Amino acid sequence: MGEISIAAADRIIRKAAGLRVSEDAAKLLAEYLEEKGMKIASEASLYSKHAKRKTITTSDIKLVLKK
């Protein structure tokens, strides 16, 4: 199991759509969100390293999201 739980993905879909959610749909969303999050974090770490920091900051994440 990944870092994002199926239950969390289920809640996101239900909150957005107001509909019931199949377990497969929640699982797929959880996997997708985790993959996207990993890519964002990886890119943000490049900005942090370039600035000679060991901490990823909000501005690093914002820079990645602007792309």
Protein backbone atom coordinates (compact mmCIF):
# COMPACT_ATOMS: atom_id res chain seq x y z
CA MET A 1 0.00 0.00 0.00
CA GLY A 2 1.17 3.51 -0.78
CA GLU A 3 1.38 6.62 1.30
CA ILE A 4 -2.08 7.82 0.25
CA SER A 5 -4.76 5.53 1.58
CA ILE A 6 -7.66 4.25 -0.46
CA ALA A 7 -9.98 5.68 2.21
CA ALA A 8 -8.49 9.16 1.71
CA ALA A 9 -8.95 8.91 -2.06
CA ASP A 10 -12.52 7.69 -1.48
CA ARG A 11 -13.26 10.77 0.67
CA ILE A 12 -11.83 13.08 -1.99
CA ILE A 13 -14.04 11.60 -4.71
CA ARG A 14 -17.16 11.59 -2.50
CA LYS A 15 -16.55 15.20 -1.46
CA ALA A 16 -16.04 16.32 -5.08
CA ALA A 17 -18.80 14.31 -6.71
CA GLY A 18 -21.28 13.47 -3.95
CA LEU A 19 -21.50 9.93 -5.27
CA ARG A 20 -20.56 6.50 -4.03
CA VAL A 21 -17.13 5.29 -5.10
CA SER A 22 -15.96 1.85 -6.13
CA GLU A 23 -12.88 0.52 -4.37
CA ASP A 24 -11.08 0.22 -7.72
CA ALA A 25 -11.76 3.89 -8.52
CA ALA A 26 -10.48 5.02 -5.12
CA LYS A 27 -7.42 2.81 -5.48
CA LEU A 28 -6.64 4.23 -8.93
CA LEU A 29 -6.95 7.81 -7.68
CA ALA A 30 -4.71 7.04 -4.69
CA GLU A 31 -2.05 5.57 -6.99
CA TYR A 32 -2.26 8.54 -9.36
CA LEU A 33 -2.04 11.12 -6.57
CA GLU A 34 0.93 9.34 -5.05
CA GLU A 35 2.74 9.21 -8.39
CA LYS A 36 2.09 12.92 -8.99
CA GLY A 37 3.18 13.78 -5.45
CA MET A 38 6.43 11.86 -5.87
CA LYS A 39 7.20 13.69 -9.12
CA ILE A 40 6.47 17.07 -7.55
CA ALA A 41 8.62 16.27 -4.51
CA SER A 42 11.46 15.04 -6.69
CA GLU A 43 11.46 18.20 -8.79
CA ALA A 44 11.16 20.39 -5.70
CA SER A 45 14.21 18.68 -4.23
CA LEU A 46 16.23 19.88 -7.22
CA TYR A 47 15.34 23.50 -6.41
CA SER A 48 16.21 22.92 -2.77
CA LYS A 49 19.57 21.35 -3.62
CA HIS A 50 20.34 24.14 -6.08
CA ALA A 51 19.78 26.64 -3.25
CA LYS A 52 22.09 24.52 -1.06
CA ARG A 53 19.30 23.69 1.36
CA LYS A 54 18.38 20.36 2.93
CA THR A 55 14.74 21.35 3.37
CA ILE A 56 12.11 21.57 0.66
CA THR A 57 10.14 24.77 1.18
CA THR A 58 6.75 26.02 0.10
CA SER A 59 8.42 28.14 -2.58
CA ASP A 60 10.10 25.03 -4.05
CA ILE A 61 6.72 23.31 -4.37
CA LYS A 62 5.14 26.46 -5.83
CA LEU A 63 7.90 26.69 -8.45
CA VAL A 64 7.22 23.12 -9.53
CA LEU A 65 3.46 23.69 -9.69
CA LYS A 66 3.90 26.78 -11.89
CA LYS A 67 5.54 24.66 -14.60
